[in-house]
């Protein structure tokens, strides 16, 4: 099963700081972080986390 989380913040560092509790939560549920990507909107950095869990 694949799940994605999207984090918005002003900078890449703030995105990474916001993502740490999310990554820990998903790892406790048995998910593995399989992909990350940064993109930029006019006001935000958008950090997309993709998690995968083997069924």
C-alpha atoms as a PDB file:
ATOM      1  CA  UNK A   1       0.000   0.000   0.000  1.00  0.00           C
ATOM      2  CA  UNK A   2       1.325   3.445  -0.906  1.00  0.00           C
ATOM      3  CA  UNK A   3       0.602   6.630   1.029  1.00  0.00           C
ATOM      4  CA  UNK A   4       1.745  10.187   0.389  1.00  0.00           C
ATOM      5  CA  UNK A   5       2.066  13.151   2.704  1.00  0.00           C
ATOM      6  CA  UNK A   6       2.530  16.737   1.530  1.00  0.00           C
ATOM      7  CA  UNK A   7       4.264  19.280   3.735  1.00  0.00           C
ATOM      8  CA  UNK A   8       4.295  23.014   3.011  1.00  0.00           C
ATOM      9  CA  UNK A   9       6.754  25.436   4.591  1.00  0.00           C
ATOM     10  CA  UNK A  10       8.738  28.546   3.729  1.00  0.00           C
ATOM     11  CA  UNK A  11      12.094  26.771   3.332  1.00  0.00           C
ATOM     12  CA  UNK A  12      13.491  23.294   2.714  1.00  0.00           C
ATOM     13  CA  UNK A  13      14.906  23.131   6.243  1.00  0.00           C
ATOM     14  CA  UNK A  14      11.504  23.863   7.762  1.00  0.00           C
ATOM     15  CA  UNK A  15       9.934  21.168   5.553  1.00  0.00           C
ATOM     16  CA  UNK A  16      12.469  18.644   6.778  1.00  0.00           C
ATOM     17  CA  UNK A  17      11.874  19.604  10.429  1.00  0.00           C
ATOM     18  CA  UNK A  18       8.105  19.238   9.964  1.00  0.00           C
ATOM     19  CA  UNK A  19       8.542  15.856   8.272  1.00  0.00           C
ATOM     20  CA  UNK A  20      10.447  14.113  11.092  1.00  0.00           C
ATOM     21  CA  UNK A  21       7.397  13.299  13.292  1.00  0.00           C
ATOM     22  CA  UNK A  22       5.452  12.140  10.229  1.00  0.00           C
ATOM     23  CA  UNK A  23       8.258   9.805   9.170  1.00  0.00           C
ATOM     24  CA  UNK A  24       8.483   8.386  12.707  1.00  0.00           C
ATOM     25  CA  UNK A  25       4.712   7.825  12.847  1.00  0.00           C
ATOM     26  CA  UNK A  26       4.620   5.963   9.535  1.00  0.00           C
ATOM     27  CA  UNK A  27       7.675   3.863  10.422  1.00  0.00           C
ATOM     28  CA  UNK A  28       5.907   2.711  13.607  1.00  0.00           C
ATOM     29  CA  UNK A  29       2.980   1.615  11.414  1.00  0.00           C
ATOM     30  CA  UNK A  30       5.328  -0.474   9.232  1.00  0.00           C
ATOM     31  CA  UNK A  31       5.754   1.914   6.307  1.00  0.00           C
ATOM     32  CA  UNK A  32       9.098   2.611   4.635  1.00  0.00           C
ATOM     33  CA  UNK A  33       9.954   5.996   3.124  1.00  0.00           C
ATOM     34  CA  UNK A  34      10.448   5.181  -0.560  1.00  0.00           C
ATOM     35  CA  UNK A  35      10.625   8.605  -2.256  1.00  0.00           C
ATOM     36  CA  UNK A  36      10.819  12.318  -1.498  1.00  0.00           C
ATOM     37  CA  UNK A  37      10.585  15.363  -3.720  1.00  0.00           C
ATOM     38  CA  UNK A  38      10.709  19.121  -3.353  1.00  0.00           C
ATOM     39  CA  UNK A  39       8.801  21.540  -5.535  1.00  0.00           C
ATOM     40  CA  UNK A  40       8.226  25.252  -5.309  1.00  0.00           C
ATOM     41  CA  UNK A  41       5.042  27.246  -5.487  1.00  0.00           C
ATOM     42  CA  UNK A  42       5.124  31.049  -5.484  1.00  0.00           C
ATOM     43  CA  UNK A  43       4.947  31.197  -1.672  1.00  0.00           C
ATOM     44  CA  UNK A  44       5.872  27.719  -0.379  1.00  0.00           C
ATOM     45  CA  UNK A  45       8.323  24.881  -0.621  1.00  0.00           C
ATOM     46  CA  UNK A  46       6.313  21.702  -1.046  1.00  0.00           C
ATOM     47  CA  UNK A  47       7.853  18.465   0.239  1.00  0.00           C
ATOM     48  CA  UNK A  48       6.159  15.265  -0.885  1.00  0.00           C
ATOM     49  CA  UNK A  49       6.877  12.080   1.056  1.00  0.00           C
ATOM     50  CA  UNK A  50       5.932   8.711  -0.419  1.00  0.00           C
ATOM     51  CA  UNK A  51       5.652   5.729   1.903  1.00  0.00           C
ATOM     52  CA  UNK A  52       5.313   2.083   0.920  1.00  0.00           C
ATOM     53  CA  UNK A  53       4.144  -0.876   2.973  1.00  0.00           C
ATOM     54  CA  UNK A  54       4.452  -4.470   1.889  1.00  0.00           C
ATOM     55  CA  UNK A  55       1.189  -6.345   2.334  1.00  0.00           C
END
